[in-house]
Amino acid sequence: MKQLSFADAEYAGKRKQTRRERFLLEMDQVVPWQGLIALIEP
């Protein structure tokens, strides 16, 4: 069995980001979640 190089190992650990993951990351940046939670919590 061939040993992986550091570059190969790093590339193998990465995977393509899904549309859902990109959407959720963008929503976390756009929506003021703490303010909304503060309104709903009481």
N, C-alpha and C. Protein backbone atom coordinates (compact mmCIF):
# COMPACT_ATOMS: atom_id res chain seq x y z
N MET A 1 0.84 -1.20 0.00
CA MET A 1 0.00 0.00 0.00
C MET A 1 0.88 1.25 0.00
N LYS A 2 0.51 2.21 -0.82
CA LYS A 2 1.28 3.45 -0.94
C LYS A 2 0.90 4.41 0.20
N GLN A 3 1.91 5.04 0.79
CA GLN A 3 1.68 5.99 1.87
C GLN A 3 1.25 7.33 1.28
N LEU A 4 0.27 7.97 1.91
CA LEU A 4 -0.21 9.27 1.44
C LEU A 4 0.76 10.38 1.82
N SER A 5 0.91 11.35 0.95
CA SER A 5 1.69 12.54 1.30
C SER A 5 0.79 13.46 2.12
N PHE A 6 1.40 14.47 2.73
CA PHE A 6 0.60 15.41 3.51
C PHE A 6 -0.42 16.12 2.63
N ALA A 7 -0.03 16.49 1.44
CA ALA A 7 -0.95 17.19 0.52
C ALA A 7 -2.11 16.27 0.14
N ASP A 8 -1.82 15.01 -0.13
CA ASP A 8 -2.89 14.06 -0.48
C ASP A 8 -3.84 13.85 0.69
N ALA A 9 -3.29 13.75 1.89
CA ALA A 9 -4.12 13.53 3.07
C ALA A 9 -5.01 14.74 3.33
N GLU A 10 -4.46 15.94 3.16
CA GLU A 10 -5.25 17.16 3.38
C GLU A 10 -6.38 17.26 2.35
N TYR A 11 -6.07 16.97 1.10
CA TYR A 11 -7.09 17.03 0.04
C TYR A 11 -8.18 15.98 0.27
N ALA A 12 -7.81 14.81 0.76
CA ALA A 12 -8.78 13.74 0.99
C ALA A 12 -9.75 14.13 2.11
N GLY A 13 -9.29 14.95 3.05
CA GLY A 13 -10.14 15.36 4.17
C GLY A 13 -11.15 16.42 3.79
N LYS A 14 -10.90 17.13 2.69
CA LYS A 14 -11.82 18.18 2.26
C LYS A 14 -12.92 17.57 1.41
N ARG A 15 -14.09 18.15 1.49
CA ARG A 15 -15.17 17.72 0.62
C ARG A 15 -15.88 18.95 0.12
N LYS A 16 -16.60 18.79 -0.94
CA LYS A 16 -17.29 19.92 -1.54
C LYS A 16 -18.42 20.38 -0.63
N GLN A 17 -18.55 21.69 -0.47
CA GLN A 17 -19.59 22.26 0.37
C GLN A 17 -20.92 22.20 -0.38
N THR A 18 -21.96 21.74 0.30
CA THR A 18 -23.26 21.61 -0.35
C THR A 18 -23.95 22.96 -0.44
N ARG A 19 -24.97 23.04 -1.29
CA ARG A 19 -25.75 24.28 -1.41
C ARG A 19 -26.42 24.62 -0.09
N ARG A 20 -26.88 23.59 0.62
CA ARG A 20 -27.53 23.81 1.92
C ARG A 20 -26.55 24.41 2.92
N GLU A 21 -25.33 23.89 2.98
CA GLU A 21 -24.33 24.41 3.91
C GLU A 21 -23.97 25.86 3.58
N ARG A 22 -23.82 26.17 2.27
CA ARG A 22 -23.53 27.55 1.88
C ARG A 22 -24.68 28.47 2.27
N PHE A 23 -25.93 28.01 2.06
CA PHE A 23 -27.10 28.81 2.40
C PHE A 23 -27.14 29.08 3.90
N LEU A 24 -26.92 28.07 4.71
CA LEU A 24 -26.98 28.25 6.16
C LEU A 24 -25.87 29.17 6.67
N LEU A 25 -24.69 29.08 6.09
CA LEU A 25 -23.61 30.00 6.48
C LEU A 25 -23.95 31.44 6.12
N GLU A 26 -24.55 31.62 4.95
CA GLU A 26 -24.95 32.97 4.54
C GLU A 26 -26.06 33.51 5.45
N MET A 27 -27.02 32.67 5.81
CA MET A 27 -28.10 33.10 6.69
C MET A 27 -27.57 33.48 8.07
N ASP A 28 -26.57 32.77 8.56
CA ASP A 28 -25.97 33.12 9.85
C ASP A 28 -25.34 34.50 9.81
N GLN A 29 -24.80 34.89 8.66
CA GLN A 29 -24.19 36.22 8.53
C GLN A 29 -25.23 37.32 8.36
N VAL A 30 -26.36 37.02 7.71
CA VAL A 30 -27.35 38.04 7.36
C VAL A 30 -28.37 38.28 8.47
N VAL A 31 -28.83 37.22 9.10
CA VAL A 31 -29.94 37.33 10.06
C VAL A 31 -29.41 37.63 11.46
N PRO A 32 -29.98 38.63 12.15
CA PRO A 32 -29.58 38.94 13.53
C PRO A 32 -30.24 37.97 14.52
N TRP A 33 -29.69 36.76 14.61
CA TRP A 33 -30.32 35.70 15.41
C TRP A 33 -30.48 36.07 16.88
N GLN A 34 -29.48 36.71 17.47
CA GLN A 34 -29.56 37.03 18.90
C GLN A 34 -30.73 37.97 19.19
N GLY A 35 -30.96 38.93 18.32
CA GLY A 35 -32.09 39.85 18.51
C GLY A 35 -33.41 39.13 18.38
N LEU A 36 -33.54 38.22 17.44
CA LEU A 36 -34.78 37.47 17.26
C LEU A 36 -35.03 36.51 18.44
N ILE A 37 -33.98 35.90 18.90
CA ILE A 37 -34.11 34.99 20.06
C ILE A 37 -34.53 35.77 21.29
N ALA A 38 -33.98 36.97 21.47
CA ALA A 38 -34.34 37.80 22.62
C ALA A 38 -35.82 38.18 22.57
N LEU A 39 -36.36 38.40 21.39
CA LEU A 39 -37.78 38.74 21.27
C LEU A 39 -38.69 37.54 21.57
N ILE A 40 -38.27 36.39 21.14
CA ILE A 40 -39.11 35.19 21.28
C ILE A 40 -39.00 34.55 22.65
N GLU A 41 -37.83 34.62 23.26
CA GLU A 41 -37.53 33.89 24.49
C GLU A 41 -38.49 34.18 25.65
N PRO A 42 -38.85 35.44 25.95
CA PRO A 42 -39.74 35.68 27.10
C PRO A 42 -41.11 35.07 26.82
